[in-house]
PDB file of N, CA and C in Angstrom:
ATOM      1  N   UNK A   1     278.481 240.210 149.177  1.00  0.00           N
ATOM      2  CA  UNK A   1     278.484 238.768 149.104  1.00  0.00           C
ATOM      3  C   UNK A   1     279.884 238.201 149.282  1.00  0.00           C
ATOM      4  N   UNK A   2     280.879 238.836 148.696  1.00  0.00           N
ATOM      5  CA  UNK A   2     282.250 238.342 148.805  1.00  0.00           C
ATOM      6  C   UNK A   2     282.694 238.288 150.263  1.00  0.00           C
ATOM      7  N   UNK A   3     282.267 239.275 151.056  1.00  0.00           N
ATOM      8  CA  UNK A   3     282.642 239.294 152.465  1.00  0.00           C
ATOM      9  C   UNK A   3     282.076 238.079 153.198  1.00  0.00           C
ATOM     10  N   UNK A   4     280.807 237.750 152.918  1.00  0.00           N
ATOM     11  CA  UNK A   4     280.197 236.573 153.545  1.00  0.00           C
ATOM     12  C   UNK A   4     280.861 235.300 153.074  1.00  0.00           C
ATOM     13  N   UNK A   5     281.250 235.247 151.818  1.00  0.00           N
ATOM     14  CA  UNK A   5     281.915 234.069 151.277  1.00  0.00           C
ATOM     15  C   UNK A   5     283.255 233.860 151.960  1.00  0.00           C
ATOM     16  N   UNK A   6     284.025 234.930 152.110  1.00  0.00           N
ATOM     17  CA  UNK A   6     285.316 234.834 152.782  1.00  0.00           C
ATOM     18  C   UNK A   6     285.129 234.463 154.249  1.00  0.00           C
ATOM     19  N   UNK A   7     284.131 235.041 154.888  1.00  0.00           N
ATOM     20  CA  UNK A   7     283.853 234.720 156.293  1.00  0.00           C
ATOM     21  C   UNK A   7     283.537 233.236 156.450  1.00  0.00           C
ATOM     22  N   UNK A   8     282.742 232.704 155.552  1.00  0.00           N
ATOM     23  CA  UNK A   8     282.395 231.277 155.591  1.00  0.00           C
ATOM     24  C   UNK A   8     283.639 230.413 155.391  1.00  0.00           C
ATOM     25  N   UNK A   9     284.494 230.795 154.472  1.00  0.00           N
ATOM     26  CA  UNK A   9     285.742 230.074 154.239  1.00  0.00           C
ATOM     27  C   UNK A   9     286.598 230.064 155.506  1.00  0.00           C
ATOM     28  N   UNK A  10     286.686 231.220 156.148  1.00  0.00           N
ATOM     29  CA  UNK A  10     287.477 231.319 157.369  1.00  0.00           C
ATOM     30  C   UNK A  10     286.892 230.437 158.471  1.00  0.00           C
ATOM     31  N   UNK A  11     285.585 230.419 158.622  1.00  0.00           N
ATOM     32  CA  UNK A  11     284.954 229.574 159.634  1.00  0.00           C
ATOM     33  C   UNK A  11     285.165 228.095 159.338  1.00  0.00           C
ATOM     34  N   UNK A  12     285.059 227.730 158.081  1.00  0.00           N
ATOM     35  CA  UNK A  12     285.254 226.330 157.708  1.00  0.00           C
ATOM     36  C   UNK A  12     286.681 225.876 157.973  1.00  0.00           C
ATOM     37  N   UNK A  13     287.624 226.784 157.873  1.00  0.00           N
ATOM     38  CA  UNK A  13     289.023 226.423 158.066  1.00  0.00           C
ATOM     39  C   UNK A  13     289.536 226.734 159.464  1.00  0.00           C
ATOM     40  N   UNK A  14     288.645 227.116 160.356  1.00  0.00           N
ATOM     41  CA  UNK A  14     289.031 227.322 161.750  1.00  0.00           C
ATOM     42  C   UNK A  14     288.118 226.486 162.643  1.00  0.00           C
ATOM     43  N   UNK A  15     286.971 227.005 162.965  1.00  0.00           N
ATOM     44  CA  UNK A  15     286.080 226.342 163.913  1.00  0.00           C
ATOM     45  C   UNK A  15     285.628 224.964 163.459  1.00  0.00           C
ATOM     46  N   UNK A  16     285.415 224.797 162.167  1.00  0.00           N
ATOM     47  CA  UNK A  16     284.924 223.511 161.673  1.00  0.00           C
ATOM     48  C   UNK A  16     286.037 222.491 161.479  1.00  0.00           C
ATOM     49  N   UNK A  17     287.275 222.917 161.602  1.00  0.00           N
ATOM     50  CA  UNK A  17     288.422 222.016 161.527  1.00  0.00           C
ATOM     51  C   UNK A  17     289.325 222.225 162.732  1.00  0.00           C
ATOM     52  N   UNK A  18     288.697 222.306 163.872  1.00  0.00           N
ATOM     53  CA  UNK A  18     289.389 222.598 165.113  1.00  0.00           C
ATOM     54  C   UNK A  18     290.472 221.574 165.441  1.00  0.00           C
ATOM     55  N   UNK A  19     290.298 220.364 164.989  1.00  0.00           N
ATOM     56  CA  UNK A  19     291.253 219.305 165.305  1.00  0.00           C
ATOM     57  C   UNK A  19     292.673 219.659 164.866  1.00  0.00           C
ATOM     58  N   UNK A  20     292.813 220.359 163.742  1.00  0.00           N
ATOM     59  CA  UNK A  20     294.142 220.726 163.241  1.00  0.00           C
ATOM     60  C   UNK A  20     294.842 221.637 164.250  1.00  0.00           C
ATOM     61  N   UNK A  21     294.126 222.602 164.785  1.00  0.00           N
ATOM     62  CA  UNK A  21     294.694 223.578 165.704  1.00  0.00           C
ATOM     63  C   UNK A  21     295.010 222.943 167.059  1.00  0.00           C
ATOM     64  N   UNK A  22     294.161 222.034 167.487  1.00  0.00           N
ATOM     65  CA  UNK A  22     294.421 221.322 168.742  1.00  0.00           C
ATOM     66  C   UNK A  22     295.663 220.460 168.599  1.00  0.00           C
ATOM     67  N   UNK A  23     295.767 219.714 167.508  1.00  0.00           N
ATOM     68  CA  UNK A  23     296.955 218.885 167.307  1.00  0.00           C
ATOM     69  C   UNK A  23     298.216 219.729 167.207  1.00  0.00           C
ATOM     70  N   UNK A  24     298.139 220.875 166.555  1.00  0.00           N
ATOM     71  CA  UNK A  24     299.309 221.747 166.441  1.00  0.00           C
ATOM     72  C   UNK A  24     299.793 222.182 167.821  1.00  0.00           C
ATOM     73  N   UNK A  25     298.887 222.626 168.662  1.00  0.00           N
ATOM     74  CA  UNK A  25     299.274 223.052 170.012  1.00  0.00           C
ATOM     75  C   UNK A  25     299.841 221.880 170.798  1.00  0.00           C
ATOM     76  N   UNK A  26     299.193 220.726 170.709  1.00  0.00           N
ATOM     77  CA  UNK A  26     299.680 219.559 171.443  1.00  0.00           C
ATOM     78  C   UNK A  26     301.007 219.041 170.882  1.00  0.00           C
ATOM     79  N   UNK A  27     301.317 219.362 169.639  1.00  0.00           N
ATOM     80  CA  UNK A  27     302.610 218.947 169.075  1.00  0.00           C
ATOM     81  C   UNK A  27     303.750 219.731 169.712  1.00  0.00           C
ATOM     82  N   UNK A  28     303.427 220.865 170.308  1.00  0.00           N
ATOM     83  CA  UNK A  28     304.435 221.698 170.961  1.00  0.00           C
ATOM     84  C   UNK A  28     304.577 221.379 172.445  1.00  0.00           C
ATOM     85  N   UNK A  29     303.467 220.947 173.082  1.00  0.00           N
ATOM     86  CA  UNK A  29     303.508 220.587 174.497  1.00  0.00           C
ATOM     87  C   UNK A  29     302.159 219.988 174.910  1.00  0.00           C
ATOM     88  N   UNK A  30     302.164 219.098 175.893  1.00  0.00           N
ATOM     89  CA  UNK A  30     300.902 218.588 176.437  1.00  0.00           C
ATOM     90  C   UNK A  30     300.112 219.731 177.073  1.00  0.00           C
ATOM     91  N   UNK A  31     298.794 219.588 177.123  1.00  0.00           N
ATOM     92  CA  UNK A  31     297.954 220.641 177.690  1.00  0.00           C
ATOM     93  C   UNK A  31     296.648 220.053 178.208  1.00  0.00           C
ATOM     94  N   UNK A  32     295.996 220.798 179.094  1.00  0.00           N
ATOM     95  CA  UNK A  32     294.665 220.379 179.521  1.00  0.00           C
ATOM     96  C   UNK A  32     293.642 221.115 178.661  1.00  0.00           C
ATOM     97  N   UNK A  33     292.464 220.571 178.571  1.00  0.00           N
ATOM     98  CA  UNK A  33     291.441 221.056 177.645  1.00  0.00           C
ATOM     99  C   UNK A  33     291.119 222.528 177.837  1.00  0.00           C
ATOM    100  N   UNK A  34     291.014 222.955 179.078  1.00  0.00           N
ATOM    101  CA  UNK A  34     290.625 224.337 179.342  1.00  0.00           C
ATOM    102  C   UNK A  34     291.638 225.319 178.757  1.00  0.00           C
ATOM    103  N   UNK A  35     292.919 225.017 178.879  1.00  0.00           N
ATOM    104  CA  UNK A  35     293.950 225.936 178.383  1.00  0.00           C
ATOM    105  C   UNK A  35     294.029 225.940 176.854  1.00  0.00           C
ATOM    106  N   UNK A  36     293.573 224.889 176.216  1.00  0.00           N
ATOM    107  CA  UNK A  36     293.634 224.828 174.751  1.00  0.00           C
ATOM    108  C   UNK A  36     292.843 225.947 174.093  1.00  0.00           C
ATOM    109  N   UNK A  37     291.679 226.258 174.621  1.00  0.00           N
ATOM    110  CA  UNK A  37     290.853 227.309 174.028  1.00  0.00           C
ATOM    111  C   UNK A  37     291.580 228.650 174.029  1.00  0.00           C
ATOM    112  N   UNK A  38     292.169 228.995 175.154  1.00  0.00           N
ATOM    113  CA  UNK A  38     292.892 230.266 175.248  1.00  0.00           C
ATOM    114  C   UNK A  38     294.116 230.260 174.335  1.00  0.00           C
ATOM    115  N   UNK A  39     294.795 229.135 174.256  1.00  0.00           N
ATOM    116  CA  UNK A  39     295.984 229.041 173.407  1.00  0.00           C
ATOM    117  C   UNK A  39     295.614 229.142 171.927  1.00  0.00           C
ATOM    118  N   UNK A  40     294.496 228.570 171.541  1.00  0.00           N
ATOM    119  CA  UNK A  40     294.034 228.692 170.150  1.00  0.00           C
ATOM    120  C   UNK A  40     293.744 230.151 169.836  1.00  0.00           C
ATOM    121  N   UNK A  41     293.081 230.834 170.762  1.00  0.00           N
ATOM    122  CA  UNK A  41     292.776 232.246 170.532  1.00  0.00           C
ATOM    123  C   UNK A  41     294.069 233.066 170.412  1.00  0.00           C
ATOM    124  N   UNK A  42     294.998 232.832 171.306  1.00  0.00           N
ATOM    125  CA  UNK A  42     296.261 233.574 171.304  1.00  0.00           C
ATOM    126  C   UNK A  42     297.083 233.294 170.041  1.00  0.00           C
ATOM    127  N   UNK A  43     297.155 232.051 169.637  1.00  0.00           N
ATOM    128  CA  UNK A  43     298.008 231.652 168.516  1.00  0.00           C
ATOM    129  C   UNK A  43     297.348 231.842 167.163  1.00  0.00           C
ATOM    130  N   UNK A  44     296.051 231.492 167.066  1.00  0.00           N
ATOM    131  CA  UNK A  44     295.394 231.468 165.766  1.00  0.00           C
ATOM    132  C   UNK A  44     294.324 232.540 165.572  1.00  0.00           C
ATOM    133  N   UNK A  45     293.979 233.265 166.623  1.00  0.00           N
ATOM    134  CA  UNK A  45     293.081 234.401 166.476  1.00  0.00           C
ATOM    135  C   UNK A  45     291.594 234.114 166.506  1.00  0.00           C
ATOM    136  N   UNK A  46     291.198 232.952 166.973  1.00  0.00           N
ATOM    137  CA  UNK A  46     289.772 232.669 167.158  1.00  0.00           C
ATOM    138  C   UNK A  46     289.610 231.820 168.408  1.00  0.00           C
ATOM    139  N   UNK A  47     288.447 231.903 169.028  1.00  0.00           N
ATOM    140  CA  UNK A  47     288.198 231.154 170.264  1.00  0.00           C
ATOM    141  C   UNK A  47     287.057 230.173 170.030  1.00  0.00           C
ATOM    142  N   UNK A  48     287.368 228.892 170.085  1.00  0.00           N
ATOM    143  CA  UNK A  48     286.303 227.899 169.909  1.00  0.00           C
ATOM    144  C   UNK A  48     285.427 227.818 171.152  1.00  0.00           C
ATOM    145  N   UNK A  49     284.230 227.311 170.971  1.00  0.00           N
ATOM    146  CA  UNK A  49     283.324 227.116 172.094  1.00  0.00           C
ATOM    147  C   UNK A  49     283.856 226.044 173.036  1.00  0.00           C
ATOM    148  N   UNK A  50     283.466 226.143 174.291  1.00  0.00           N
ATOM    149  CA  UNK A  50     283.933 225.204 175.310  1.00  0.00           C
ATOM    150  C   UNK A  50     283.565 223.768 174.954  1.00  0.00           C
ATOM    151  N   UNK A  51     282.303 223.552 174.688  1.00  0.00           N
ATOM    152  CA  UNK A  51     281.826 222.200 174.395  1.00  0.00           C
ATOM    153  C   UNK A  51     282.485 221.672 173.126  1.00  0.00           C
ATOM    154  N   UNK A  52     282.631 222.511 172.127  1.00  0.00           N
ATOM    155  CA  UNK A  52     283.231 222.092 170.866  1.00  0.00           C
ATOM    156  C   UNK A  52     284.651 221.588 171.084  1.00  0.00           C
ATOM    157  N   UNK A  53     285.438 222.314 171.843  1.00  0.00           N
ATOM    158  CA  UNK A  53     286.820 221.910 172.090  1.00  0.00           C
ATOM    159  C   UNK A  53     286.876 220.541 172.782  1.00  0.00           C
ATOM    160  N   UNK A  54     286.020 220.338 173.769  1.00  0.00           N
ATOM    161  CA  UNK A  54     285.998 219.050 174.474  1.00  0.00           C
ATOM    162  C   UNK A  54     285.555 217.923 173.542  1.00  0.00           C
ATOM    163  N   UNK A  55     284.553 218.182 172.729  1.00  0.00           N
ATOM    164  CA  UNK A  55     284.073 217.152 171.803  1.00  0.00           C
ATOM    165  C   UNK A  55     285.161 216.753 170.813  1.00  0.00           C
ATOM    166  N   UNK A  56     285.883 217.734 170.322  1.00  0.00           N
ATOM    167  CA  UNK A  56     286.967 217.446 169.380  1.00  0.00           C
ATOM    168  C   UNK A  56     288.062 216.643 170.077  1.00  0.00           C
ATOM    169  N   UNK A  57     288.415 217.013 171.293  1.00  0.00           N
ATOM    170  CA  UNK A  57     289.426 216.251 172.039  1.00  0.00           C
ATOM    171  C   UNK A  57     289.002 214.796 172.238  1.00  0.00           C
ATOM    172  N   UNK A  58     287.757 214.576 172.607  1.00  0.00           N
ATOM    173  CA  UNK A  58     287.263 213.214 172.795  1.00  0.00           C
ATOM    174  C   UNK A  58     287.352 212.432 171.491  1.00  0.00           C
ATOM    175  N   UNK A  59     287.008 213.071 170.400  1.00  0.00           N
ATOM    176  CA  UNK A  59     287.083 212.424 169.093  1.00  0.00           C
ATOM    177  C   UNK A  59     288.533 212.090 168.736  1.00  0.00           C
ATOM    178  N   UNK A  60     289.444 213.030 168.976  1.00  0.00           N
ATOM    179  CA  UNK A  60     290.866 212.788 168.701  1.00  0.00           C
ATOM    180  C   UNK A  60     291.390 211.628 169.541  1.00  0.00           C
ATOM    181  N   UNK A  61     290.923 211.535 170.771  1.00  0.00           N
ATOM    182  CA  UNK A  61     291.341 210.434 171.641  1.00  0.00           C
ATOM    183  C   UNK A  61     290.825 209.102 171.113  1.00  0.00           C
ATOM    184  N   UNK A  62     289.553 209.067 170.728  1.00  0.00           N
ATOM    185  CA  UNK A  62     288.970 207.828 170.182  1.00  0.00           C
ATOM    186  C   UNK A  62     289.715 207.355 168.938  1.00  0.00           C
ATOM    187  N   UNK A  63     290.168 208.292 168.134  1.00  0.00           N
ATOM    188  CA  UNK A  63     290.864 207.948 166.892  1.00  0.00           C
ATOM    189  C   UNK A  63     292.345 207.634 167.107  1.00  0.00           C
ATOM    190  N   UNK A  64     292.818 207.813 168.329  1.00  0.00           N
ATOM    191  CA  UNK A  64     294.210 207.502 168.639  1.00  0.00           C
ATOM    192  C   UNK A  64     295.186 208.617 168.296  1.00  0.00           C
ATOM    193  N   UNK A  65     294.695 209.836 168.082  1.00  0.00           N
ATOM    194  CA  UNK A  65     295.566 210.960 167.757  1.00  0.00           C
ATOM    195  C   UNK A  65     296.114 211.645 169.006  1.00  0.00           C
ATOM    196  N   UNK A  66     295.445 211.471 170.141  1.00  0.00           N
ATOM    197  CA  UNK A  66     295.921 212.011 171.414  1.00  0.00           C
ATOM    198  C   UNK A  66     295.694 210.977 172.507  1.00  0.00           C
ATOM    199  N   UNK A  67     296.450 211.133 173.586  1.00  0.00           N
ATOM    200  CA  UNK A  67     296.225 210.327 174.778  1.00  0.00           C
ATOM    201  C   UNK A  67     295.860 211.269 175.910  1.00  0.00           C
ATOM    202  N   UNK A  68     295.259 210.708 176.950  1.00  0.00           N
ATOM    203  CA  UNK A  68     294.837 211.500 178.096  1.00  0.00           C
ATOM    204  C   UNK A  68     295.385 210.850 179.353  1.00  0.00           C
ATOM    205  N   UNK A  69     295.981 211.661 180.212  1.00  0.00           N
ATOM    206  CA  UNK A  69     296.428 211.190 181.521  1.00  0.00           C
ATOM    207  C   UNK A  69     295.844 212.111 182.585  1.00  0.00           C
ATOM    208  N   UNK A  70     295.672 211.564 183.767  1.00  0.00           N
ATOM    209  CA  UNK A  70     295.121 212.353 184.871  1.00  0.00           C
ATOM    210  C   UNK A  70     296.243 212.840 185.773  1.00  0.00           C
ATOM    211  N   UNK A  71     296.162 214.115 186.106  1.00  0.00           N
ATOM    212  CA  UNK A  71     297.062 214.732 187.075  1.00  0.00           C
ATOM    213  C   UNK A  71     296.164 215.443 188.082  1.00  0.00           C
ATOM    214  N   UNK A  72     295.815 214.728 189.135  1.00  0.00           N
ATOM    215  CA  UNK A  72     294.829 215.257 190.074  1.00  0.00           C
ATOM    216  C   UNK A  72     293.482 215.314 189.386  1.00  0.00           C
ATOM    217  N   UNK A  73     292.865 216.463 189.440  1.00  0.00           N
ATOM    218  CA  UNK A  73     291.561 216.637 188.790  1.00  0.00           C
ATOM    219  C   UNK A  73     291.698 216.982 187.317  1.00  0.00           C
ATOM    220  N   UNK A  74     292.878 217.380 186.900  1.00  0.00           N
ATOM    221  CA  UNK A  74     293.087 217.790 185.508  1.00  0.00           C
ATOM    222  C   UNK A  74     293.422 216.609 184.624  1.00  0.00           C
ATOM    223  N   UNK A  75     292.904 216.680 183.424  1.00  0.00           N
ATOM    224  CA  UNK A  75     293.223 215.697 182.392  1.00  0.00           C
ATOM    225  C   UNK A  75     294.182 216.370 181.410  1.00  0.00           C
ATOM    226  N   UNK A  76     295.320 215.762 181.211  1.00  0.00           N
ATOM    227  CA  UNK A  76     296.336 216.316 180.324  1.00  0.00           C
ATOM    228  C   UNK A  76     296.340 215.514 179.027  1.00  0.00           C
ATOM    229  N   UNK A  77     296.292 216.232 177.915  1.00  0.00           N
ATOM    230  CA  UNK A  77     296.277 215.604 176.602  1.00  0.00           C
ATOM    231  C   UNK A  77     297.648 215.747 175.942  1.00  0.00           C
ATOM    232  N   UNK A  78     298.060 214.662 175.273  1.00  0.00           N
ATOM    233  CA  UNK A  78     299.351 214.609 174.593  1.00  0.00           C
ATOM    234  C   UNK A  78     299.136 214.037 173.205  1.00  0.00           C
ATOM    235  N   UNK A  79     299.796 214.603 172.219  1.00  0.00           N
ATOM    236  CA  UNK A  79     299.677 214.096 170.856  1.00  0.00           C
ATOM    237  C   UNK A  79     300.426 212.770 170.744  1.00  0.00           C
ATOM    238  N   UNK A  80     299.899 211.864 169.939  1.00  0.00           N
ATOM    239  CA  UNK A  80     300.554 210.582 169.678  1.00  0.00           C
ATOM    240  C   UNK A  80     301.310 210.668 168.354  1.00  0.00           C
ATOM    241  N   UNK A  81     302.075 209.651 168.059  1.00  0.00           N
ATOM    242  CA  UNK A  81     302.769 209.611 166.773  1.00  0.00           C
ATOM    243  C   UNK A  81     301.761 209.605 165.622  1.00  0.00           C
ATOM    244  N   UNK A  82     300.665 208.888 165.799  1.00  0.00           N
ATOM    245  CA  UNK A  82     299.602 208.882 164.793  1.00  0.00           C
ATOM    246  C   UNK A  82     299.039 210.291 164.598  1.00  0.00           C
ATOM    247  N   UNK A  83     298.875 211.026 165.686  1.00  0.00           N
ATOM    248  CA  UNK A  83     298.397 212.403 165.617  1.00  0.00           C
ATOM    249  C   UNK A  83     299.378 213.313 164.902  1.00  0.00           C
ATOM    250  N   UNK A  84     300.674 213.124 165.154  1.00  0.00           N
ATOM    251  CA  UNK A  84     301.705 213.921 164.466  1.00  0.00           C
ATOM    252  C   UNK A  84     301.663 213.671 162.958  1.00  0.00           C
ATOM    253  N   UNK A  85     301.492 212.434 162.584  1.00  0.00           N
ATOM    254  CA  UNK A  85     301.409 212.100 161.153  1.00  0.00           C
ATOM    255  C   UNK A  85     300.184 212.749 160.515  1.00  0.00           C
ATOM    256  N   UNK A  86     299.070 212.720 161.210  1.00  0.00           N
ATOM    257  CA  UNK A  86     297.840 213.328 160.688  1.00  0.00           C
ATOM    258  C   UNK A  86     298.007 214.845 160.543  1.00  0.00           C
ATOM    259  N   UNK A  87     298.649 215.468 161.518  1.00  0.00           N
ATOM    260  CA  UNK A  87     298.907 216.904 161.462  1.00  0.00           C
ATOM    261  C   UNK A  87     299.816 217.237 160.283  1.00  0.00           C
ATOM    262  N   UNK A  88     300.834 216.444 160.057  1.00  0.00           N
ATOM    263  CA  UNK A  88     301.745 216.674 158.928  1.00  0.00           C
ATOM    264  C   UNK A  88     301.003 216.543 157.594  1.00  0.00           C
ATOM    265  N   UNK A  89     300.121 215.578 157.494  1.00  0.00           N
ATOM    266  CA  UNK A  89     299.330 215.409 156.270  1.00  0.00           C
ATOM    267  C   UNK A  89     298.425 216.623 156.043  1.00  0.00           C
ATOM    268  N   UNK A  90     297.824 217.123 157.102  1.00  0.00           N
ATOM    269  CA  UNK A  90     296.971 218.313 156.989  1.00  0.00           C
ATOM    270  C   UNK A  90     297.797 219.517 156.542  1.00  0.00           C
ATOM    271  N   UNK A  91     298.993 219.676 157.100  1.00  0.00           N
ATOM    272  CA  UNK A  91     299.862 220.792 156.716  1.00  0.00           C
ATOM    273  C   UNK A  91     300.266 220.677 155.252  1.00  0.00           C
ATOM    274  N   UNK A  92     300.580 219.472 154.819  1.00  0.00           N
ATOM    275  CA  UNK A  92     300.927 219.265 153.397  1.00  0.00           C
ATOM    276  C   UNK A  92     299.753 219.622 152.491  1.00  0.00           C
ATOM    277  N   UNK A  93     298.560 219.227 152.891  1.00  0.00           N
ATOM    278  CA  UNK A  93     297.364 219.545 152.119  1.00  0.00           C
ATOM    279  C   UNK A  93     297.200 221.060 151.979  1.00  0.00           C
ATOM    280  N   UNK A  94     297.295 221.781 153.091  1.00  0.00           N
ATOM    281  CA  UNK A  94     297.132 223.239 153.042  1.00  0.00           C
ATOM    282  C   UNK A  94     298.231 223.902 152.214  1.00  0.00           C
ATOM    283  N   UNK A  95     299.446 223.426 152.332  1.00  0.00           N
ATOM    284  CA  UNK A  95     300.546 223.983 151.531  1.00  0.00           C
ATOM    285  C   UNK A  95     300.288 223.783 150.044  1.00  0.00           C
ATOM    286  N   UNK A  96     299.856 222.579 149.681  1.00  0.00           N
ATOM    287  CA  UNK A  96     299.575 222.282 148.278  1.00  0.00           C
ATOM    288  C   UNK A  96     298.441 223.163 147.756  1.00  0.00           C
ATOM    289  N   UNK A  97     297.386 223.304 148.547  1.00  0.00           N
ATOM    290  CA  UNK A  97     296.269 224.132 148.119  1.00  0.00           C
ATOM    291  C   UNK A  97     296.678 225.584 147.972  1.00  0.00           C
ATOM    292  N   UNK A  98     297.494 226.078 148.890  1.00  0.00           N
ATOM    293  CA  UNK A  98     297.963 227.483 148.815  1.00  0.00           C
ATOM    294  C   UNK A  98     298.796 227.693 147.553  1.00  0.00           C
ATOM    295  N   UNK A  99     299.693 226.760 147.246  1.00  0.00           N
ATOM    296  CA  UNK A  99     300.511 226.890 146.030  1.00  0.00           C
ATOM    297  C   UNK A  99     299.627 226.866 144.793  1.00  0.00           C
ATOM    298  N   UNK A 100     298.651 225.989 144.767  1.00  0.00           N
ATOM    299  CA  UNK A 100     297.761 225.875 143.619  1.00  0.00           C
ATOM    300  C   UNK A 100     296.931 227.153 143.444  1.00  0.00           C
ATOM    301  N   UNK A 101     296.398 227.675 144.536  1.00  0.00           N
ATOM    302  CA  UNK A 101     295.584 228.887 144.461  1.00  0.00           C
ATOM    303  C   UNK A 101     296.403 230.113 144.073  1.00  0.00           C
ATOM    304  N   UNK A 102     297.660 230.173 144.490  1.00  0.00           N
ATOM    305  CA  UNK A 102     298.504 231.320 144.184  1.00  0.00           C
ATOM    306  C   UNK A 102     299.110 231.267 142.774  1.00  0.00           C
ATOM    307  N   UNK A 103     299.135 230.097 142.190  1.00  0.00           N
ATOM    308  CA  UNK A 103     299.750 229.936 140.870  1.00  0.00           C
ATOM    309  C   UNK A 103     299.028 230.820 139.837  1.00  0.00           C
ATOM    310  N   UNK A 104     299.793 231.610 139.159  1.00  0.00           N
ATOM    311  CA  UNK A 104     299.241 232.438 138.081  1.00  0.00           C
ATOM    312  C   UNK A 104     298.575 233.713 138.547  1.00  0.00           C
ATOM    313  N   UNK A 105     298.599 234.013 139.814  1.00  0.00           N
ATOM    314  CA  UNK A 105     297.969 235.257 140.292  1.00  0.00           C
ATOM    315  C   UNK A 105     298.963 236.395 140.171  1.00  0.00           C
TER     316      UNK A 105
END
């Protein structure tokens, strides 16, 4: 049971929160959607589904966390200042939770 519990935790903090990983990659450089999946796998060790990555990007764009520009047929995504702030808040949250969970162990 513990293995399934840990697996669920890992899925919830990766695939179900894909926006954090997309913003992190875009904070380092603009990218097109197709390359994001491979970069997430290389950097974070999991590969999100194609449709999922696109849906998350569209949502991030609607919320003003990323912008999209066209370069020929490719759409290039860039993080906005609002997106950087959201990413920093997420990082602070994870840091706080890690410190709290490690306290007293």
